[in-house]
Amino acid sequence: MTIQQELSQLVAALRRERDELHLKLHLLQAEARDEWHALEKKWNHLRQKAESVGDATGQSAGDVGAAARLLGEELRRGYQRIRDSMR
């Protein structure tokens, strides 16, 4: 095999790998973007819950606070998934 043939095969193989990675990157970005949008809705919901804790009294405040903590943990895990996908 000549150097030109080897180089041609190398370029073809790298082109396939590059195209596959580019597609995966695009899909990963879309997936991260979709998760971000879902998390933004939850973020707004958490902010509303946090504000309502101050307005709630007794048992009601405890229930709202517990729900807010659960939502906060869900957000934390979601943000971590996005961060991990960027590595």
PDB file of N, CA and C in Angstrom:
ATOM      1  N   MET A   1       0.854  -1.168   0.000  1.00  0.00           N
ATOM      2  CA  MET A   1       0.000   0.000   0.000  1.00  0.00           C
ATOM      3  C   MET A   1       0.904   1.237   0.000  1.00  0.00           C
ATOM      4  N   THR A   2       0.537   2.181  -0.781  1.00  0.00           N
ATOM      5  CA  THR A   2       1.342   3.402  -0.867  1.00  0.00           C
ATOM      6  C   THR A   2       0.997   4.355   0.272  1.00  0.00           C
ATOM      7  N   ILE A   3       1.868   5.298   0.466  1.00  0.00           N
ATOM      8  CA  ILE A   3       1.635   6.310   1.500  1.00  0.00           C
ATOM      9  C   ILE A   3       0.347   7.071   1.196  1.00  0.00           C
ATOM     10  N   GLN A   4       0.113   7.353  -0.054  1.00  0.00           N
ATOM     11  CA  GLN A   4      -1.091   8.090  -0.447  1.00  0.00           C
ATOM     12  C   GLN A   4      -2.347   7.279  -0.119  1.00  0.00           C
ATOM     13  N   GLN A   5      -2.314   5.960  -0.341  1.00  0.00           N
ATOM     14  CA  GLN A   5      -3.459   5.096  -0.026  1.00  0.00           C
ATOM     15  C   GLN A   5      -3.684   5.032   1.481  1.00  0.00           C
ATOM     16  N   GLU A   6      -2.591   4.896   2.225  1.00  0.00           N
ATOM     17  CA  GLU A   6      -2.705   4.860   3.688  1.00  0.00           C
ATOM     18  C   GLU A   6      -3.296   6.159   4.218  1.00  0.00           C
ATOM     19  N   LEU A   7      -2.791   7.250   3.701  1.00  0.00           N
ATOM     20  CA  LEU A   7      -3.279   8.554   4.131  1.00  0.00           C
ATOM     21  C   LEU A   7      -4.748   8.729   3.758  1.00  0.00           C
ATOM     22  N   SER A   8      -5.120   8.268   2.600  1.00  0.00           N
ATOM     23  CA  SER A   8      -6.506   8.358   2.156  1.00  0.00           C
ATOM     24  C   SER A   8      -7.422   7.547   3.068  1.00  0.00           C
ATOM     25  N   GLN A   9      -6.979   6.341   3.453  1.00  0.00           N
ATOM     26  CA  GLN A   9      -7.770   5.513   4.370  1.00  0.00           C
ATOM     27  C   GLN A   9      -7.857   6.163   5.750  1.00  0.00           C
ATOM     28  N   LEU A  10      -6.758   6.728   6.195  1.00  0.00           N
ATOM     29  CA  LEU A  10      -6.748   7.409   7.494  1.00  0.00           C
ATOM     30  C   LEU A  10      -7.723   8.575   7.491  1.00  0.00           C
ATOM     31  N   VAL A  11      -7.681   9.378   6.436  1.00  0.00           N
ATOM     32  CA  VAL A  11      -8.586  10.528   6.337  1.00  0.00           C
ATOM     33  C   VAL A  11     -10.034  10.063   6.311  1.00  0.00           C
ATOM     34  N   ALA A  12     -10.328   8.993   5.577  1.00  0.00           N
ATOM     35  CA  ALA A  12     -11.699   8.470   5.504  1.00  0.00           C
ATOM     36  C   ALA A  12     -12.168   7.979   6.872  1.00  0.00           C
ATOM     37  N   ALA A  13     -11.303   7.261   7.581  1.00  0.00           N
ATOM     38  CA  ALA A  13     -11.660   6.756   8.908  1.00  0.00           C
ATOM     39  C   ALA A  13     -11.871   7.910   9.883  1.00  0.00           C
ATOM     40  N   LEU A  14     -11.008   8.894   9.849  1.00  0.00           N
ATOM     41  CA  LEU A  14     -11.145  10.050  10.739  1.00  0.00           C
ATOM     42  C   LEU A  14     -12.396  10.857  10.401  1.00  0.00           C
ATOM     43  N   ARG A  15     -12.735  10.956   9.131  1.00  0.00           N
ATOM     44  CA  ARG A  15     -13.944  11.668   8.721  1.00  0.00           C
ATOM     45  C   ARG A  15     -15.190  10.981   9.307  1.00  0.00           C
ATOM     46  N   ARG A  16     -15.228   9.644   9.220  1.00  0.00           N
ATOM     47  CA  ARG A  16     -16.366   8.902   9.795  1.00  0.00           C
ATOM     48  C   ARG A  16     -16.454   9.132  11.299  1.00  0.00           C
ATOM     49  N   GLU A  17     -15.319   9.020  11.976  1.00  0.00           N
ATOM     50  CA  GLU A  17     -15.300   9.223  13.425  1.00  0.00           C
ATOM     51  C   GLU A  17     -15.720  10.646  13.783  1.00  0.00           C
ATOM     52  N   ARG A  18     -15.215  11.605  13.044  1.00  0.00           N
ATOM     53  CA  ARG A  18     -15.555  13.012  13.280  1.00  0.00           C
ATOM     54  C   ARG A  18     -17.048  13.237  13.089  1.00  0.00           C
ATOM     55  N   ASP A  19     -17.604  12.689  12.009  1.00  0.00           N
ATOM     56  CA  ASP A  19     -19.032  12.857  11.746  1.00  0.00           C
ATOM     57  C   ASP A  19     -19.887  12.229  12.845  1.00  0.00           C
ATOM     58  N   GLU A  20     -19.484  11.038  13.304  1.00  0.00           N
ATOM     59  CA  GLU A  20     -20.217  10.373  14.387  1.00  0.00           C
ATOM     60  C   GLU A  20     -20.160  11.201  15.667  1.00  0.00           C
ATOM     61  N   LEU A  21     -18.974  11.693  16.001  1.00  0.00           N
ATOM     62  CA  LEU A  21     -18.829  12.504  17.208  1.00  0.00           C
ATOM     63  C   LEU A  21     -19.610  13.807  17.107  1.00  0.00           C
ATOM     64  N   HIS A  22     -19.607  14.394  15.936  1.00  0.00           N
ATOM     65  CA  HIS A  22     -20.339  15.645  15.734  1.00  0.00           C
ATOM     66  C   HIS A  22     -21.830  15.419  15.960  1.00  0.00           C
ATOM     67  N   LEU A  23     -22.355  14.316  15.438  1.00  0.00           N
ATOM     68  CA  LEU A  23     -23.765  13.992  15.632  1.00  0.00           C
ATOM     69  C   LEU A  23     -24.067  13.747  17.109  1.00  0.00           C
ATOM     70  N   LYS A  24     -23.208  12.976  17.776  1.00  0.00           N
ATOM     71  CA  LYS A  24     -23.421  12.700  19.199  1.00  0.00           C
ATOM     72  C   LYS A  24     -23.372  13.988  20.017  1.00  0.00           C
ATOM     73  N   LEU A  25     -22.445  14.869  19.671  1.00  0.00           N
ATOM     74  CA  LEU A  25     -22.332  16.149  20.367  1.00  0.00           C
ATOM     75  C   LEU A  25     -23.593  16.969  20.177  1.00  0.00           C
ATOM     76  N   HIS A  26     -24.090  16.995  18.958  1.00  0.00           N
ATOM     77  CA  HIS A  26     -25.318  17.740  18.676  1.00  0.00           C
ATOM     78  C   HIS A  26     -26.492  17.171  19.486  1.00  0.00           C
ATOM     79  N   LEU A  27     -26.605  15.848  19.520  1.00  0.00           N
ATOM     80  CA  LEU A  27     -27.685  15.220  20.282  1.00  0.00           C
ATOM     81  C   LEU A  27     -27.520  15.475  21.779  1.00  0.00           C
ATOM     82  N   LEU A  28     -26.287  15.438  22.246  1.00  0.00           N
ATOM     83  CA  LEU A  28     -26.025  15.703  23.660  1.00  0.00           C
ATOM     84  C   LEU A  28     -26.412  17.126  24.013  1.00  0.00           C
ATOM     85  N   GLN A  29     -26.069  18.064  23.141  1.00  0.00           N
ATOM     86  CA  GLN A  29     -26.420  19.455  23.400  1.00  0.00           C
ATOM     87  C   GLN A  29     -27.936  19.620  23.438  1.00  0.00           C
ATOM     88  N   ALA A  30     -28.646  18.960  22.519  1.00  0.00           N
ATOM     89  CA  ALA A  30     -30.100  19.056  22.494  1.00  0.00           C
ATOM     90  C   ALA A  30     -30.691  18.452  23.765  1.00  0.00           C
ATOM     91  N   GLU A  31     -30.141  17.329  24.198  1.00  0.00           N
ATOM     92  CA  GLU A  31     -30.621  16.677  25.413  1.00  0.00           C
ATOM     93  C   GLU A  31     -30.381  17.563  26.629  1.00  0.00           C
ATOM     94  N   ALA A  32     -29.200  18.153  26.719  1.00  0.00           N
ATOM     95  CA  ALA A  32     -28.886  19.051  27.838  1.00  0.00           C
ATOM     96  C   ALA A  32     -29.784  20.278  27.803  1.00  0.00           C
ATOM     97  N   ARG A  33     -30.045  20.792  26.606  1.00  0.00           N
ATOM     98  CA  ARG A  33     -30.913  21.970  26.467  1.00  0.00           C
ATOM     99  C   ARG A  33     -32.338  21.629  26.922  1.00  0.00           C
ATOM    100  N   ASP A  34     -32.831  20.446  26.537  1.00  0.00           N
ATOM    101  CA  ASP A  34     -34.170  20.033  26.956  1.00  0.00           C
ATOM    102  C   ASP A  34     -34.245  19.891  28.476  1.00  0.00           C
ATOM    103  N   GLU A  35     -33.202  19.289  29.047  1.00  0.00           N
ATOM    104  CA  GLU A  35     -33.198  19.143  30.506  1.00  0.00           C
ATOM    105  C   GLU A  35     -33.144  20.511  31.168  1.00  0.00           C
ATOM    106  N   TRP A  36     -32.366  21.428  30.617  1.00  0.00           N
ATOM    107  CA  TRP A  36     -32.274  22.780  31.166  1.00  0.00           C
ATOM    108  C   TRP A  36     -33.649  23.439  31.193  1.00  0.00           C
ATOM    109  N   HIS A  37     -34.395  23.337  30.111  1.00  0.00           N
ATOM    110  CA  HIS A  37     -35.722  23.959  30.051  1.00  0.00           C
ATOM    111  C   HIS A  37     -36.657  23.355  31.097  1.00  0.00           C
ATOM    112  N   ALA A  38     -36.597  22.046  31.265  1.00  0.00           N
ATOM    113  CA  ALA A  38     -37.419  21.390  32.287  1.00  0.00           C
ATOM    114  C   ALA A  38     -37.008  21.858  33.679  1.00  0.00           C
ATOM    115  N   LEU A  39     -35.705  21.993  33.897  1.00  0.00           N
ATOM    116  CA  LEU A  39     -35.224  22.448  35.201  1.00  0.00           C
ATOM    117  C   LEU A  39     -35.586  23.902  35.463  1.00  0.00           C
ATOM    118  N   GLU A  40     -35.638  24.721  34.431  1.00  0.00           N
ATOM    119  CA  GLU A  40     -36.026  26.118  34.607  1.00  0.00           C
ATOM    120  C   GLU A  40     -37.460  26.220  35.126  1.00  0.00           C
ATOM    121  N   LYS A  41     -38.336  25.361  34.636  1.00  0.00           N
ATOM    122  CA  LYS A  41     -39.721  25.355  35.138  1.00  0.00           C
ATOM    123  C   LYS A  41     -39.734  24.979  36.621  1.00  0.00           C
ATOM    124  N   LYS A  42     -38.929  23.973  36.961  1.00  0.00           N
ATOM    125  CA  LYS A  42     -38.857  23.553  38.363  1.00  0.00           C
ATOM    126  C   LYS A  42     -38.233  24.652  39.226  1.00  0.00           C
ATOM    127  N   TRP A  43     -37.254  25.364  38.684  1.00  0.00           N
ATOM    128  CA  TRP A  43     -36.619  26.462  39.410  1.00  0.00           C
ATOM    129  C   TRP A  43     -37.646  27.531  39.762  1.00  0.00           C
ATOM    130  N   ASN A  44     -38.454  27.902  38.793  1.00  0.00           N
ATOM    131  CA  ASN A  44     -39.491  28.905  39.037  1.00  0.00           C
ATOM    132  C   ASN A  44     -40.489  28.413  40.072  1.00  0.00           C
ATOM    133  N   HIS A  45     -40.816  27.134  40.004  1.00  0.00           N
ATOM    134  CA  HIS A  45     -41.744  26.542  40.978  1.00  0.00           C
ATOM    135  C   HIS A  45     -41.120  26.576  42.380  1.00  0.00           C
ATOM    136  N   LEU A  46     -39.837  26.258  42.472  1.00  0.00           N
ATOM    137  CA  LEU A  46     -39.147  26.289  43.768  1.00  0.00           C
ATOM    138  C   LEU A  46     -39.133  27.698  44.340  1.00  0.00           C
ATOM    139  N   ARG A  47     -38.850  28.683  43.516  1.00  0.00           N
ATOM    140  CA  ARG A  47     -38.844  30.074  43.999  1.00  0.00           C
ATOM    141  C   ARG A  47     -40.216  30.460  44.542  1.00  0.00           C
ATOM    142  N   GLN A  48     -41.276  30.047  43.862  1.00  0.00           N
ATOM    143  CA  GLN A  48     -42.627  30.351  44.343  1.00  0.00           C
ATOM    144  C   GLN A  48     -42.890  29.669  45.675  1.00  0.00           C
ATOM    145  N   LYS A  49     -42.459  28.401  45.791  1.00  0.00           N
ATOM    146  CA  LYS A  49     -42.654  27.677  47.052  1.00  0.00           C
ATOM    147  C   LYS A  49     -41.876  28.346  48.181  1.00  0.00           C
ATOM    148  N   ALA A  50     -40.646  28.761  47.886  1.00  0.00           N
ATOM    149  CA  ALA A  50     -39.821  29.399  48.917  1.00  0.00           C
ATOM    150  C   ALA A  50     -40.480  30.684  49.406  1.00  0.00           C
ATOM    151  N   GLU A  51     -41.077  31.423  48.494  1.00  0.00           N
ATOM    152  CA  GLU A  51     -41.770  32.651  48.890  1.00  0.00           C
ATOM    153  C   GLU A  51     -43.019  32.334  49.712  1.00  0.00           C
ATOM    154  N   SER A  52     -43.706  31.251  49.365  1.00  0.00           N
ATOM    155  CA  SER A  52     -44.946  30.939  50.070  1.00  0.00           C
ATOM    156  C   SER A  52     -44.705  30.375  51.464  1.00  0.00           C
ATOM    157  N   VAL A  53     -43.506  29.869  51.745  1.00  0.00           N
ATOM    158  CA  VAL A  53     -43.211  29.373  53.084  1.00  0.00           C
ATOM    159  C   VAL A  53     -43.345  30.507  54.088  1.00  0.00           C
ATOM    160  N   GLY A  54     -42.898  31.690  53.698  1.00  0.00           N
ATOM    161  CA  GLY A  54     -43.007  32.837  54.593  1.00  0.00           C
ATOM    162  C   GLY A  54     -44.447  33.219  54.864  1.00  0.00           C
ATOM    163  N   ASP A  55     -45.336  32.965  53.918  1.00  0.00           N
ATOM    164  CA  ASP A  55     -46.743  33.306  54.078  1.00  0.00           C
ATOM    165  C   ASP A  55     -47.527  32.213  54.789  1.00  0.00           C
ATOM    166  N   ALA A  56     -47.020  30.982  54.779  1.00  0.00           N
ATOM    167  CA  ALA A  56     -47.742  29.854  55.376  1.00  0.00           C
ATOM    168  C   ALA A  56     -47.494  29.815  56.883  1.00  0.00           C
ATOM    169  N   THR A  57     -48.381  29.114  57.590  1.00  0.00           N
ATOM    170  CA  THR A  57     -48.229  29.003  59.036  1.00  0.00           C
ATOM    171  C   THR A  57     -48.285  27.544  59.457  1.00  0.00           C
ATOM    172  N   GLY A  58     -47.617  27.229  60.548  1.00  0.00           N
ATOM    173  CA  GLY A  58     -47.690  25.923  61.180  1.00  0.00           C
ATOM    174  C   GLY A  58     -47.410  24.756  60.250  1.00  0.00           C
ATOM    175  N   GLN A  59     -48.338  23.783  60.266  1.00  0.00           N
ATOM    176  CA  GLN A  59     -48.201  22.559  59.480  1.00  0.00           C
ATOM    177  C   GLN A  59     -48.065  22.870  58.000  1.00  0.00           C
ATOM    178  N   SER A  60     -48.799  23.854  57.544  1.00  0.00           N
ATOM    179  CA  SER A  60     -48.764  24.233  56.134  1.00  0.00           C
ATOM    180  C   SER A  60     -47.359  24.652  55.716  1.00  0.00           C
ATOM    181  N   ALA A  61     -46.683  25.426  56.557  1.00  0.00           N
ATOM    182  CA  ALA A  61     -45.326  25.864  56.254  1.00  0.00           C
ATOM    183  C   ALA A  61     -44.380  24.676  56.193  1.00  0.00           C
ATOM    184  N   GLY A  62     -44.571  23.728  57.081  1.00  0.00           N
ATOM    185  CA  GLY A  62     -43.733  22.523  57.089  1.00  0.00           C
ATOM    186  C   GLY A  62     -43.922  21.716  55.823  1.00  0.00           C
ATOM    187  N   ASP A  63     -45.164  21.578  55.377  1.00  0.00           N
ATOM    188  CA  ASP A  63     -45.451  20.829  54.147  1.00  0.00           C
ATOM    189  C   ASP A  63     -44.841  21.516  52.930  1.00  0.00           C
ATOM    190  N   VAL A  64     -45.013  22.819  52.864  1.00  0.00           N
ATOM    191  CA  VAL A  64     -44.461  23.579  51.734  1.00  0.00           C
ATOM    192  C   VAL A  64     -42.941  23.512  51.766  1.00  0.00           C
ATOM    193  N   GLY A  65     -42.369  23.627  52.957  1.00  0.00           N
ATOM    194  CA  GLY A  65     -40.916  23.566  53.089  1.00  0.00           C
ATOM    195  C   GLY A  65     -40.363  22.210  52.671  1.00  0.00           C
ATOM    196  N   ALA A  66     -41.037  21.132  53.063  1.00  0.00           N
ATOM    197  CA  ALA A  66     -40.589  19.789  52.686  1.00  0.00           C
ATOM    198  C   ALA A  66     -40.663  19.600  51.178  1.00  0.00           C
ATOM    199  N   ALA A  67     -41.741  20.071  50.584  1.00  0.00           N
ATOM    200  CA  ALA A  67     -41.891  19.964  49.130  1.00  0.00           C
ATOM    201  C   ALA A  67     -40.809  20.789  48.429  1.00  0.00           C
ATOM    202  N   ALA A  68     -40.498  21.939  48.976  1.00  0.00           N
ATOM    203  CA  ALA A  68     -39.464  22.791  48.388  1.00  0.00           C
ATOM    204  C   ALA A  68     -38.098  22.128  48.487  1.00  0.00           C
ATOM    205  N   ARG A  69     -37.823  21.478  49.622  1.00  0.00           N
ATOM    206  CA  ARG A  69     -36.541  20.784  49.762  1.00  0.00           C
ATOM    207  C   ARG A  69     -36.416  19.651  48.755  1.00  0.00           C
ATOM    208  N   LEU A  70     -37.483  18.884  48.558  1.00  0.00           N
ATOM    209  CA  LEU A  70     -37.463  17.801  47.569  1.00  0.00           C
ATOM    210  C   LEU A  70     -37.221  18.352  46.167  1.00  0.00           C
ATOM    211  N   LEU A  71     -37.897  19.420  45.849  1.00  0.00           N
ATOM    212  CA  LEU A  71     -37.733  20.050  44.541  1.00  0.00           C
ATOM    213  C   LEU A  71     -36.310  20.585  44.378  1.00  0.00           C
ATOM    214  N   GLY A  72     -35.764  21.137  45.438  1.00  0.00           N
ATOM    215  CA  GLY A  72     -34.387  21.629  45.402  1.00  0.00           C
ATOM    216  C   GLY A  72     -33.390  20.517  45.140  1.00  0.00           C
ATOM    217  N   GLU A  73     -33.595  19.364  45.764  1.00  0.00           N
ATOM    218  CA  GLU A  73     -32.705  18.221  45.535  1.00  0.00           C
ATOM    219  C   GLU A  73     -32.836  17.715  44.100  1.00  0.00           C
ATOM    220  N   GLU A  74     -34.040  17.734  43.574  1.00  0.00           N
ATOM    221  CA  GLU A  74     -34.261  17.325  42.186  1.00  0.00           C
ATOM    222  C   GLU A  74     -33.528  18.272  41.230  1.00  0.00           C
ATOM    223  N   LEU A  75     -33.588  19.551  41.529  1.00  0.00           N
ATOM    224  CA  LEU A  75     -32.855  20.537  40.724  1.00  0.00           C
ATOM    225  C   LEU A  75     -31.347  20.302  40.817  1.00  0.00           C
ATOM    226  N   ARG A  76     -30.861  20.052  42.012  1.00  0.00           N
ATOM    227  CA  ARG A  76     -29.431  19.820  42.209  1.00  0.00           C
ATOM    228  C   ARG A  76     -28.968  18.624  41.372  1.00  0.00           C
ATOM    229  N   ARG A  77     -29.737  17.536  41.386  1.00  0.00           N
ATOM    230  CA  ARG A  77     -29.381  16.359  40.589  1.00  0.00           C
ATOM    231  C   ARG A  77     -29.435  16.660  39.094  1.00  0.00           C
ATOM    232  N   GLY A  78     -30.431  17.409  38.672  1.00  0.00           N
ATOM    233  CA  GLY A  78     -30.545  17.778  37.263  1.00  0.00           C
ATOM    234  C   GLY A  78     -29.394  18.635  36.801  1.00  0.00           C
ATOM    235  N   TYR A  79     -29.009  19.613  37.605  1.00  0.00           N
ATOM    236  CA  TYR A  79     -27.868  20.459  37.259  1.00  0.00           C
ATOM    237  C   TYR A  79     -26.586  19.623  37.179  1.00  0.00           C
ATOM    238  N   GLN A  80     -26.462  18.657  38.085  1.00  0.00           N
ATOM    239  CA  GLN A  80     -25.280  17.788  38.068  1.00  0.00           C
ATOM    240  C   GLN A  80     -25.252  16.948  36.792  1.00  0.00           C
ATOM    241  N   ARG A  81     -26.416  16.449  36.355  1.00  0.00           N
ATOM    242  CA  ARG A  81     -26.462  15.677  35.101  1.00  0.00           C
ATOM    243  C   ARG A  81     -26.003  16.529  33.927  1.00  0.00           C
ATOM    244  N   ILE A  82     -26.447  17.767  33.881  1.00  0.00           N
ATOM    245  CA  ILE A  82     -26.025  18.660  32.799  1.00  0.00           C
ATOM    246  C   ILE A  82     -24.531  18.908  32.887  1.00  0.00           C
ATOM    247  N   ARG A  83     -24.029  19.183  34.092  1.00  0.00           N
ATOM    248  CA  ARG A  83     -22.604  19.431  34.285  1.00  0.00           C
ATOM    249  C   ARG A  83     -21.788  18.208  33.850  1.00  0.00           C
ATOM    250  N   ASP A  84     -22.257  17.004  34.230  1.00  0.00           N
ATOM    251  CA  ASP A  84     -21.550  15.778  33.860  1.00  0.00           C
ATOM    252  C   ASP A  84     -21.547  15.560  32.349  1.00  0.00           C
ATOM    253  N   SER A  85     -22.607  15.941  31.690  1.00  0.00           N
ATOM    254  CA  SER A  85     -22.681  15.744  30.237  1.00  0.00           C
ATOM    255  C   SER A  85     -21.732  16.674  29.493  1.00  0.00           C
ATOM    256  N   MET A  86     -21.266  17.717  30.156  1.00  0.00           N
ATOM    257  CA  MET A  86     -20.357  18.679  29.527  1.00  0.00           C
ATOM    258  C   MET A  86     -18.901  18.232  29.626  1.00  0.00           C
ATOM    259  N   ARG A  87     -18.656  17.201  30.366  1.00  0.00           N
ATOM    260  CA  ARG A  87     -17.263  16.725  30.547  1.00  0.00           C
ATOM    261  C   ARG A  87     -16.857  15.848  29.416  1.00  0.00           C
TER     262      ARG A  87
END
